PDB file of N, CA and C in Angstrom:
ATOM      1  N   UNK A   1      28.781 128.751 182.524  1.00  0.00           N
ATOM      2  CA  UNK A   1      29.592 129.914 182.190  1.00  0.00           C
ATOM      3  C   UNK A   1      30.250 129.686 180.820  1.00  0.00           C
ATOM      4  N   UNK A   2      30.381 130.780 180.063  1.00  0.00           N
ATOM      5  CA  UNK A   2      31.059 130.728 178.767  1.00  0.00           C
ATOM      6  C   UNK A   2      32.134 131.814 178.732  1.00  0.00           C
ATOM      7  N   UNK A   3      33.177 131.581 177.944  1.00  0.00           N
ATOM      8  CA  UNK A   3      34.245 132.574 177.789  1.00  0.00           C
ATOM      9  C   UNK A   3      34.006 133.379 176.524  1.00  0.00           C
ATOM     10  N   UNK A   4      34.140 134.710 176.654  1.00  0.00           N
ATOM     11  CA  UNK A   4      34.032 135.618 175.512  1.00  0.00           C
ATOM     12  C   UNK A   4      35.121 136.672 175.648  1.00  0.00           C
ATOM     13  N   UNK A   5      35.343 137.411 174.587  1.00  0.00           N
ATOM     14  CA  UNK A   5      36.291 138.530 174.620  1.00  0.00           C
ATOM     15  C   UNK A   5      35.534 139.817 174.354  1.00  0.00           C
ATOM     16  N   UNK A   6      36.030 140.901 174.945  1.00  0.00           N
ATOM     17  CA  UNK A   6      35.471 142.232 174.693  1.00  0.00           C
ATOM     18  C   UNK A   6      36.634 143.125 174.277  1.00  0.00           C
ATOM     19  N   UNK A   7      36.460 143.837 173.157  1.00  0.00           N
ATOM     20  CA  UNK A   7      37.547 144.646 172.591  1.00  0.00           C
ATOM     21  C   UNK A   7      37.112 146.098 172.430  1.00  0.00           C
ATOM     22  N   UNK A   8      38.091 146.994 172.659  1.00  0.00           N
ATOM     23  CA  UNK A   8      37.895 148.420 172.403  1.00  0.00           C
ATOM     24  C   UNK A   8      39.249 149.002 172.045  1.00  0.00           C
ATOM     25  N   UNK A   9      39.247 150.001 171.176  1.00  0.00           N
ATOM     26  CA  UNK A   9      40.513 150.596 170.762  1.00  0.00           C
ATOM     27  C   UNK A   9      40.350 152.083 170.501  1.00  0.00           C
ATOM     28  N   UNK A  10      41.394 152.811 170.819  1.00  0.00           N
ATOM     29  CA  UNK A  10      41.531 154.209 170.426  1.00  0.00           C
ATOM     30  C   UNK A  10      42.787 154.264 169.560  1.00  0.00           C
ATOM     31  N   UNK A  11      43.079 155.390 168.926  1.00  0.00           N
ATOM     32  CA  UNK A  11      44.319 155.454 168.141  1.00  0.00           C
ATOM     33  C   UNK A  11      45.571 155.205 168.992  1.00  0.00           C
ATOM     34  N   UNK A  12      45.487 155.479 170.285  1.00  0.00           N
ATOM     35  CA  UNK A  12      46.649 155.342 171.154  1.00  0.00           C
ATOM     36  C   UNK A  12      46.748 154.001 171.859  1.00  0.00           C
ATOM     37  N   UNK A  13      45.607 153.338 172.087  1.00  0.00           N
ATOM     38  CA  UNK A  13      45.606 152.151 172.929  1.00  0.00           C
ATOM     39  C   UNK A  13      44.523 151.174 172.479  1.00  0.00           C
ATOM     40  N   UNK A  14      44.865 149.890 172.468  1.00  0.00           N
ATOM     41  CA  UNK A  14      43.908 148.844 172.136  1.00  0.00           C
ATOM     42  C   UNK A  14      43.917 147.823 173.269  1.00  0.00           C
ATOM     43  N   UNK A  15      42.733 147.272 173.552  1.00  0.00           N
ATOM     44  CA  UNK A  15      42.656 146.304 174.637  1.00  0.00           C
ATOM     45  C   UNK A  15      41.577 145.279 174.338  1.00  0.00           C
ATOM     46  N   UNK A  16      41.918 144.001 174.525  1.00  0.00           N
ATOM     47  CA  UNK A  16      40.957 142.905 174.429  1.00  0.00           C
ATOM     48  C   UNK A  16      41.034 142.159 175.759  1.00  0.00           C
ATOM     49  N   UNK A  17      39.892 142.025 176.416  1.00  0.00           N
ATOM     50  CA  UNK A  17      39.854 141.309 177.685  1.00  0.00           C
ATOM     51  C   UNK A  17      39.006 140.052 177.533  1.00  0.00           C
ATOM     52  N   UNK A  18      39.469 138.976 178.150  1.00  0.00           N
ATOM     53  CA  UNK A  18      38.711 137.729 178.184  1.00  0.00           C
ATOM     54  C   UNK A  18      37.947 137.684 179.497  1.00  0.00           C
ATOM     55  N   UNK A  19      36.665 137.369 179.397  1.00  0.00           N
ATOM     56  CA  UNK A  19      35.845 137.283 180.604  1.00  0.00           C
ATOM     57  C   UNK A  19      34.951 136.053 180.524  1.00  0.00           C
ATOM     58  N   UNK A  20      34.466 135.626 181.668  1.00  0.00           N
ATOM     59  CA  UNK A  20      33.481 134.556 181.730  1.00  0.00           C
ATOM     60  C   UNK A  20      32.143 135.187 182.077  1.00  0.00           C
ATOM     61  N   UNK A  21      31.122 134.781 181.329  1.00  0.00           N
ATOM     62  CA  UNK A  21      29.772 135.299 181.563  1.00  0.00           C
ATOM     63  C   UNK A  21      28.799 134.130 181.627  1.00  0.00           C
ATOM     64  N   UNK A  22      27.640 134.390 182.162  1.00  0.00           N
ATOM     65  CA  UNK A  22      26.586 133.383 182.223  1.00  0.00           C
ATOM     66  C   UNK A  22      26.078 133.096 180.817  1.00  0.00           C
ATOM     67  N   UNK A  23      25.670 131.877 180.559  1.00  0.00           N
ATOM     68  CA  UNK A  23      25.013 131.555 179.297  1.00  0.00           C
ATOM     69  C   UNK A  23      23.762 132.423 179.206  1.00  0.00           C
ATOM     70  N   UNK A  24      23.485 132.974 178.022  1.00  0.00           N
ATOM     71  CA  UNK A  24      22.339 133.868 177.850  1.00  0.00           C
ATOM     72  C   UNK A  24      22.690 135.336 178.028  1.00  0.00           C
ATOM     73  N   UNK A  25      23.973 135.623 178.263  1.00  0.00           N
ATOM     74  CA  UNK A  25      24.443 137.005 178.427  1.00  0.00           C
ATOM     75  C   UNK A  25      24.366 137.739 177.089  1.00  0.00           C
ATOM     76  N   UNK A  26      24.012 139.019 177.131  1.00  0.00           N
ATOM     77  CA  UNK A  26      23.948 139.833 175.918  1.00  0.00           C
ATOM     78  C   UNK A  26      25.265 140.567 175.688  1.00  0.00           C
ATOM     79  N   UNK A  27      25.418 141.127 174.496  1.00  0.00           N
ATOM     80  CA  UNK A  27      26.618 141.917 174.183  1.00  0.00           C
ATOM     81  C   UNK A  27      26.806 143.032 175.196  1.00  0.00           C
ATOM     82  N   UNK A  28      25.747 143.783 175.440  1.00  0.00           N
ATOM     83  CA  UNK A  28      25.855 144.934 176.340  1.00  0.00           C
ATOM     84  C   UNK A  28      26.235 144.495 177.752  1.00  0.00           C
ATOM     85  N   UNK A  29      25.659 143.402 178.232  1.00  0.00           N
ATOM     86  CA  UNK A  29      25.991 142.923 179.571  1.00  0.00           C
ATOM     87  C   UNK A  29      27.465 142.544 179.663  1.00  0.00           C
ATOM     88  N   UNK A  30      27.977 141.869 178.638  1.00  0.00           N
ATOM     89  CA  UNK A  30      29.391 141.485 178.626  1.00  0.00           C
ATOM     90  C   UNK A  30      30.283 142.718 178.576  1.00  0.00           C
ATOM     91  N   UNK A  31      29.911 143.700 177.762  1.00  0.00           N
ATOM     92  CA  UNK A  31      30.710 144.925 177.653  1.00  0.00           C
ATOM     93  C   UNK A  31      30.760 145.647 178.992  1.00  0.00           C
ATOM     94  N   UNK A  32      29.630 145.708 179.676  1.00  0.00           N
ATOM     95  CA  UNK A  32      29.596 146.357 180.988  1.00  0.00           C
ATOM     96  C   UNK A  32      30.434 145.587 182.002  1.00  0.00           C
ATOM     97  N   UNK A  33      30.396 144.262 181.927  1.00  0.00           N
ATOM     98  CA  UNK A  33      31.149 143.431 182.866  1.00  0.00           C
ATOM     99  C   UNK A  33      32.658 143.491 182.598  1.00  0.00           C
ATOM    100  N   UNK A  34      33.051 143.847 181.376  1.00  0.00           N
ATOM    101  CA  UNK A  34      34.466 143.824 180.986  1.00  0.00           C
ATOM    102  C   UNK A  34      35.334 144.808 181.762  1.00  0.00           C
ATOM    103  N   UNK A  35      34.751 145.900 182.237  1.00  0.00           N
ATOM    104  CA  UNK A  35      35.529 146.909 182.947  1.00  0.00           C
ATOM    105  C   UNK A  35      36.320 147.833 182.028  1.00  0.00           C
ATOM    106  N   UNK A  36      36.086 147.760 180.724  1.00  0.00           N
ATOM    107  CA  UNK A  36      36.833 148.613 179.795  1.00  0.00           C
ATOM    108  C   UNK A  36      36.560 150.100 180.020  1.00  0.00           C
ATOM    109  N   UNK A  37      35.411 150.432 180.577  1.00  0.00           N
ATOM    110  CA  UNK A  37      35.131 151.841 180.846  1.00  0.00           C
ATOM    111  C   UNK A  37      36.061 152.409 181.912  1.00  0.00           C
ATOM    112  N   UNK A  38      36.652 151.545 182.738  1.00  0.00           N
ATOM    113  CA  UNK A  38      37.640 152.023 183.717  1.00  0.00           C
ATOM    114  C   UNK A  38      39.002 152.222 183.063  1.00  0.00           C
ATOM    115  N   UNK A  39      39.291 151.467 182.012  1.00  0.00           N
ATOM    116  CA  UNK A  39      40.561 151.578 181.283  1.00  0.00           C
ATOM    117  C   UNK A  39      40.567 152.751 180.302  1.00  0.00           C
ATOM    118  N   UNK A  40      39.386 153.120 179.810  1.00  0.00           N
ATOM    119  CA  UNK A  40      39.265 154.176 178.808  1.00  0.00           C
ATOM    120  C   UNK A  40      38.311 155.247 179.334  1.00  0.00           C
ATOM    121  N   UNK A  41      38.846 156.261 180.027  1.00  0.00           N
ATOM    122  CA  UNK A  41      37.973 157.330 180.533  1.00  0.00           C
ATOM    123  C   UNK A  41      37.191 157.961 179.374  1.00  0.00           C
ATOM    124  N   UNK A  42      35.928 158.185 179.612  1.00  0.00           N
ATOM    125  CA  UNK A  42      35.089 158.786 178.584  1.00  0.00           C
ATOM    126  C   UNK A  42      34.334 157.768 177.749  1.00  0.00           C
ATOM    127  N   UNK A  43      34.659 156.484 177.876  1.00  0.00           N
ATOM    128  CA  UNK A  43      33.944 155.449 177.137  1.00  0.00           C
ATOM    129  C   UNK A  43      32.561 155.275 177.750  1.00  0.00           C
ATOM    130  N   UNK A  44      31.540 155.478 176.947  1.00  0.00           N
ATOM    131  CA  UNK A  44      30.150 155.340 177.384  1.00  0.00           C
ATOM    132  C   UNK A  44      29.587 154.049 176.807  1.00  0.00           C
ATOM    133  N   UNK A  45      29.760 152.952 177.523  1.00  0.00           N
ATOM    134  CA  UNK A  45      29.345 151.646 177.035  1.00  0.00           C
ATOM    135  C   UNK A  45      27.842 151.600 176.783  1.00  0.00           C
ATOM    136  N   UNK A  46      27.076 152.232 177.634  1.00  0.00           N
ATOM    137  CA  UNK A  46      25.610 152.210 177.495  1.00  0.00           C
ATOM    138  C   UNK A  46      25.152 152.711 176.123  1.00  0.00           C
ATOM    139  N   UNK A  47      25.845 153.701 175.574  1.00  0.00           N
ATOM    140  CA  UNK A  47      25.402 154.333 174.336  1.00  0.00           C
ATOM    141  C   UNK A  47      26.312 154.072 173.132  1.00  0.00           C
ATOM    142  N   UNK A  48      27.311 153.226 173.304  1.00  0.00           N
ATOM    143  CA  UNK A  48      28.238 152.941 172.207  1.00  0.00           C
ATOM    144  C   UNK A  48      27.679 151.855 171.293  1.00  0.00           C
ATOM    145  N   UNK A  49      27.890 151.999 169.971  1.00  0.00           N
ATOM    146  CA  UNK A  49      27.521 150.910 169.066  1.00  0.00           C
ATOM    147  C   UNK A  49      28.447 149.723 169.302  1.00  0.00           C
ATOM    148  N   UNK A  50      27.934 148.519 169.051  1.00  0.00           N
ATOM    149  CA  UNK A  50      28.715 147.298 169.284  1.00  0.00           C
ATOM    150  C   UNK A  50      28.538 146.332 168.136  1.00  0.00           C
ATOM    151  N   UNK A  51      29.456 145.356 168.089  1.00  0.00           N
ATOM    152  CA  UNK A  51      29.366 144.333 167.070  1.00  0.00           C
ATOM    153  C   UNK A  51      30.006 143.047 167.528  1.00  0.00           C
ATOM    154  N   UNK A  52      29.865 142.026 166.674  1.00  0.00           N
ATOM    155  CA  UNK A  52      30.488 140.718 166.889  1.00  0.00           C
ATOM    156  C   UNK A  52      31.394 140.432 165.708  1.00  0.00           C
ATOM    157  N   UNK A  53      32.688 140.281 165.956  1.00  0.00           N
ATOM    158  CA  UNK A  53      33.646 139.942 164.904  1.00  0.00           C
ATOM    159  C   UNK A  53      33.510 140.851 163.680  1.00  0.00           C
ATOM    160  N   UNK A  54      33.358 142.156 163.883  1.00  0.00           N
ATOM    161  CA  UNK A  54      33.308 143.104 162.784  1.00  0.00           C
ATOM    162  C   UNK A  54      31.939 143.299 162.160  1.00  0.00           C
ATOM    163  N   UNK A  55      30.932 142.636 162.665  1.00  0.00           N
ATOM    164  CA  UNK A  55      29.565 142.790 162.155  1.00  0.00           C
ATOM    165  C   UNK A  55      28.767 143.591 163.176  1.00  0.00           C
ATOM    166  N   UNK A  56      28.304 144.770 162.773  1.00  0.00           N
ATOM    167  CA  UNK A  56      27.562 145.626 163.690  1.00  0.00           C
ATOM    168  C   UNK A  56      26.267 144.939 164.107  1.00  0.00           C
ATOM    169  N   UNK A  57      25.950 145.046 165.389  1.00  0.00           N
ATOM    170  CA  UNK A  57      24.733 144.460 165.946  1.00  0.00           C
ATOM    171  C   UNK A  57      23.786 145.603 166.280  1.00  0.00           C
ATOM    172  N   UNK A  58      22.585 145.552 165.713  1.00  0.00           N
ATOM    173  CA  UNK A  58      21.617 146.636 165.890  1.00  0.00           C
ATOM    174  C   UNK A  58      21.112 146.740 167.324  1.00  0.00           C
ATOM    175  N   UNK A  59      20.930 145.616 167.990  1.00  0.00           N
ATOM    176  CA  UNK A  59      20.373 145.629 169.356  1.00  0.00           C
ATOM    177  C   UNK A  59      21.276 144.834 170.299  1.00  0.00           C
ATOM    178  N   UNK A  60      22.369 145.463 170.763  1.00  0.00           N
ATOM    179  CA  UNK A  60      23.316 144.740 171.627  1.00  0.00           C
ATOM    180  C   UNK A  60      22.731 144.360 172.984  1.00  0.00           C
ATOM    181  N   UNK A  61      21.626 144.989 173.361  1.00  0.00           N
ATOM    182  CA  UNK A  61      21.006 144.641 174.636  1.00  0.00           C
ATOM    183  C   UNK A  61      20.088 143.428 174.520  1.00  0.00           C
ATOM    184  N   UNK A  62      19.933 142.901 173.294  1.00  0.00           N
ATOM    185  CA  UNK A  62      19.091 141.725 173.069  1.00  0.00           C
ATOM    186  C   UNK A  62      19.903 140.551 172.537  1.00  0.00           C
ATOM    187  N   UNK A  63      20.900 140.814 171.694  1.00  0.00           N
ATOM    188  CA  UNK A  63      21.701 139.749 171.050  1.00  0.00           C
ATOM    189  C   UNK A  63      22.458 138.945 172.102  1.00  0.00           C
ATOM    190  N   UNK A  64      22.263 137.624 172.081  1.00  0.00           N
ATOM    191  CA  UNK A  64      22.867 136.718 173.062  1.00  0.00           C
ATOM    192  C   UNK A  64      24.188 136.178 172.524  1.00  0.00           C
ATOM    193  N   UNK A  65      25.172 136.084 173.418  1.00  0.00           N
ATOM    194  CA  UNK A  65      26.509 135.616 173.053  1.00  0.00           C
ATOM    195  C   UNK A  65      26.621 134.096 173.082  1.00  0.00           C
ATOM    196  N   UNK A  66      27.576 133.593 172.289  1.00  0.00           N
ATOM    197  CA  UNK A  66      27.938 132.178 172.317  1.00  0.00           C
ATOM    198  C   UNK A  66      29.396 132.098 172.788  1.00  0.00           C
ATOM    199  N   UNK A  67      29.794 130.948 173.250  1.00  0.00           N
ATOM    200  CA  UNK A  67      31.167 130.744 173.705  1.00  0.00           C
ATOM    201  C   UNK A  67      32.138 131.109 172.586  1.00  0.00           C
ATOM    202  N   UNK A  68      33.172 131.869 172.926  1.00  0.00           N
ATOM    203  CA  UNK A  68      34.201 132.245 171.969  1.00  0.00           C
ATOM    204  C   UNK A  68      33.921 133.516 171.187  1.00  0.00           C
ATOM    205  N   UNK A  69      32.754 134.125 171.374  1.00  0.00           N
ATOM    206  CA  UNK A  69      32.436 135.365 170.662  1.00  0.00           C
ATOM    207  C   UNK A  69      33.355 136.503 171.101  1.00  0.00           C
ATOM    208  N   UNK A  70      33.573 137.455 170.185  1.00  0.00           N
ATOM    209  CA  UNK A  70      34.324 138.665 170.519  1.00  0.00           C
ATOM    210  C   UNK A  70      33.398 139.865 170.323  1.00  0.00           C
ATOM    211  N   UNK A  71      33.099 140.538 171.421  1.00  0.00           N
ATOM    212  CA  UNK A  71      32.287 141.753 171.400  1.00  0.00           C
ATOM    213  C   UNK A  71      33.217 142.916 171.090  1.00  0.00           C
ATOM    214  N   UNK A  72      32.833 143.751 170.138  1.00  0.00           N
ATOM    215  CA  UNK A  72      33.624 144.931 169.798  1.00  0.00           C
ATOM    216  C   UNK A  72      32.803 146.170 170.113  1.00  0.00           C
ATOM    217  N   UNK A  73      33.395 147.070 170.864  1.00  0.00           N
ATOM    218  CA  UNK A  73      32.755 148.345 171.175  1.00  0.00           C
ATOM    219  C   UNK A  73      33.336 149.361 170.205  1.00  0.00           C
ATOM    220  N   UNK A  74      32.462 150.040 169.464  1.00  0.00           N
ATOM    221  CA  UNK A  74      32.913 150.954 168.426  1.00  0.00           C
ATOM    222  C   UNK A  74      32.915 152.400 168.897  1.00  0.00           C
ATOM    223  N   UNK A  75      33.895 153.153 168.381  1.00  0.00           N
ATOM    224  CA  UNK A  75      33.967 154.597 168.635  1.00  0.00           C
ATOM    225  C   UNK A  75      33.140 155.316 167.588  1.00  0.00           C
ATOM    226  N   UNK A  76      32.676 156.524 167.907  1.00  0.00           N
ATOM    227  CA  UNK A  76      31.983 157.300 166.870  1.00  0.00           C
ATOM    228  C   UNK A  76      32.980 157.722 165.788  1.00  0.00           C
ATOM    229  N   UNK A  77      32.498 157.823 164.561  1.00  0.00           N
ATOM    230  CA  UNK A  77      33.354 158.247 163.458  1.00  0.00           C
ATOM    231  C   UNK A  77      33.711 159.720 163.606  1.00  0.00           C
ATOM    232  N   UNK A  78      34.959 160.051 163.345  1.00  0.00           N
ATOM    233  CA  UNK A  78      35.413 161.437 163.404  1.00  0.00           C
ATOM    234  C   UNK A  78      35.052 162.149 162.105  1.00  0.00           C
ATOM    235  N   UNK A  79      35.142 161.408 161.000  1.00  0.00           N
ATOM    236  CA  UNK A  79      34.852 161.975 159.688  1.00  0.00           C
ATOM    237  C   UNK A  79      34.134 160.905 158.864  1.00  0.00           C
ATOM    238  N   UNK A  80      33.246 161.332 158.007  1.00  0.00           N
ATOM    239  CA  UNK A  80      32.531 160.431 157.122  1.00  0.00           C
ATOM    240  C   UNK A  80      33.541 159.694 156.238  1.00  0.00           C
ATOM    241  N   UNK A  81      33.452 158.361 156.111  1.00  0.00           N
ATOM    242  CA  UNK A  81      34.426 157.616 155.305  1.00  0.00           C
ATOM    243  C   UNK A  81      34.528 158.100 153.857  1.00  0.00           C
ATOM    244  N   UNK A  82      33.431 158.528 153.276  1.00  0.00           N
ATOM    245  CA  UNK A  82      33.478 159.037 151.900  1.00  0.00           C
ATOM    246  C   UNK A  82      34.303 160.316 151.830  1.00  0.00           C
ATOM    247  N   UNK A  83      34.133 161.180 152.807  1.00  0.00           N
ATOM    248  CA  UNK A  83      34.904 162.423 152.837  1.00  0.00           C
ATOM    249  C   UNK A  83      36.381 162.131 153.073  1.00  0.00           C
ATOM    250  N   UNK A  84      36.680 161.170 153.923  1.00  0.00           N
ATOM    251  CA  UNK A  84      38.075 160.801 154.177  1.00  0.00           C
ATOM    252  C   UNK A  84      38.745 160.318 152.892  1.00  0.00           C
ATOM    253  N   UNK A  85      38.029 159.520 152.101  1.00  0.00           N
ATOM    254  CA  UNK A  85      38.560 159.046 150.823  1.00  0.00           C
ATOM    255  C   UNK A  85      38.821 160.201 149.872  1.00  0.00           C
ATOM    256  N   UNK A  86      37.875 161.132 149.818  1.00  0.00           N
ATOM    257  CA  UNK A  86      38.058 162.313 148.963  1.00  0.00           C
ATOM    258  C   UNK A  86      39.272 163.122 149.397  1.00  0.00           C
ATOM    259  N   UNK A  87      39.456 163.279 150.705  1.00  0.00           N
ATOM    260  CA  UNK A  87      40.607 164.024 151.227  1.00  0.00           C
ATOM    261  C   UNK A  87      41.920 163.337 150.851  1.00  0.00           C
ATOM    262  N   UNK A  88      41.967 162.002 150.977  1.00  0.00           N
ATOM    263  CA  UNK A  88      43.192 161.276 150.613  1.00  0.00           C
ATOM    264  C   UNK A  88      43.469 161.399 149.120  1.00  0.00           C
ATOM    265  N   UNK A  89      42.434 161.303 148.297  1.00  0.00           N
ATOM    266  CA  UNK A  89      42.602 161.421 146.850  1.00  0.00           C
ATOM    267  C   UNK A  89      43.106 162.799 146.469  1.00  0.00           C
ATOM    268  N   UNK A  90      42.645 163.827 147.169  1.00  0.00           N
ATOM    269  CA  UNK A  90      43.062 165.203 146.863  1.00  0.00           C
ATOM    270  C   UNK A  90      44.540 165.430 147.189  1.00  0.00           C
ATOM    271  N   UNK A  91      45.064 164.666 148.154  1.00  0.00           N
ATOM    272  CA  UNK A  91      46.474 164.825 148.557  1.00  0.00           C
ATOM    273  C   UNK A  91      47.450 164.137 147.607  1.00  0.00           C
ATOM    274  N   UNK A  92      46.968 163.145 146.843  1.00  0.00           N
ATOM    275  CA  UNK A  92      47.863 162.395 145.948  1.00  0.00           C
ATOM    276  C   UNK A  92      48.278 163.284 144.792  1.00  0.00           C
ATOM    277  N   UNK A  93      49.563 163.254 144.439  1.00  0.00           N
ATOM    278  CA  UNK A  93      50.020 164.058 143.299  1.00  0.00           C
ATOM    279  C   UNK A  93      49.459 163.517 141.998  1.00  0.00           C
ATOM    280  N   UNK A  94      49.140 164.419 141.098  1.00  0.00           N
ATOM    281  CA  UNK A  94      48.629 164.055 139.783  1.00  0.00           C
ATOM    282  C   UNK A  94      49.804 163.709 138.886  1.00  0.00           C
ATOM    283  N   UNK A  95      49.726 162.599 138.179  1.00  0.00           N
ATOM    284  CA  UNK A  95      50.831 162.157 137.320  1.00  0.00           C
ATOM    285  C   UNK A  95      50.597 162.580 135.906  1.00  0.00           C
TER     286      UNK A  95
END
């Protein structure tokens, strides 16, 4: 058994849970085992993008975890980051 963390956050609530999983466990398996879908209604772990320590993982159902890894479950973007930057720039007063 190895210890890993699984993290998920919304603007209102953030949660990181520590769990023990079998060696050879994948990101998706750990995320499903974490129980975060019970803490965050509407969280669809099966279809959510995931990463390790801020690095997006293309195939979370294949990537194997190591002891101490932190699985991050990502939310879909509400707005394109480029558009968000443009919106913030438009709000700044011109000097």
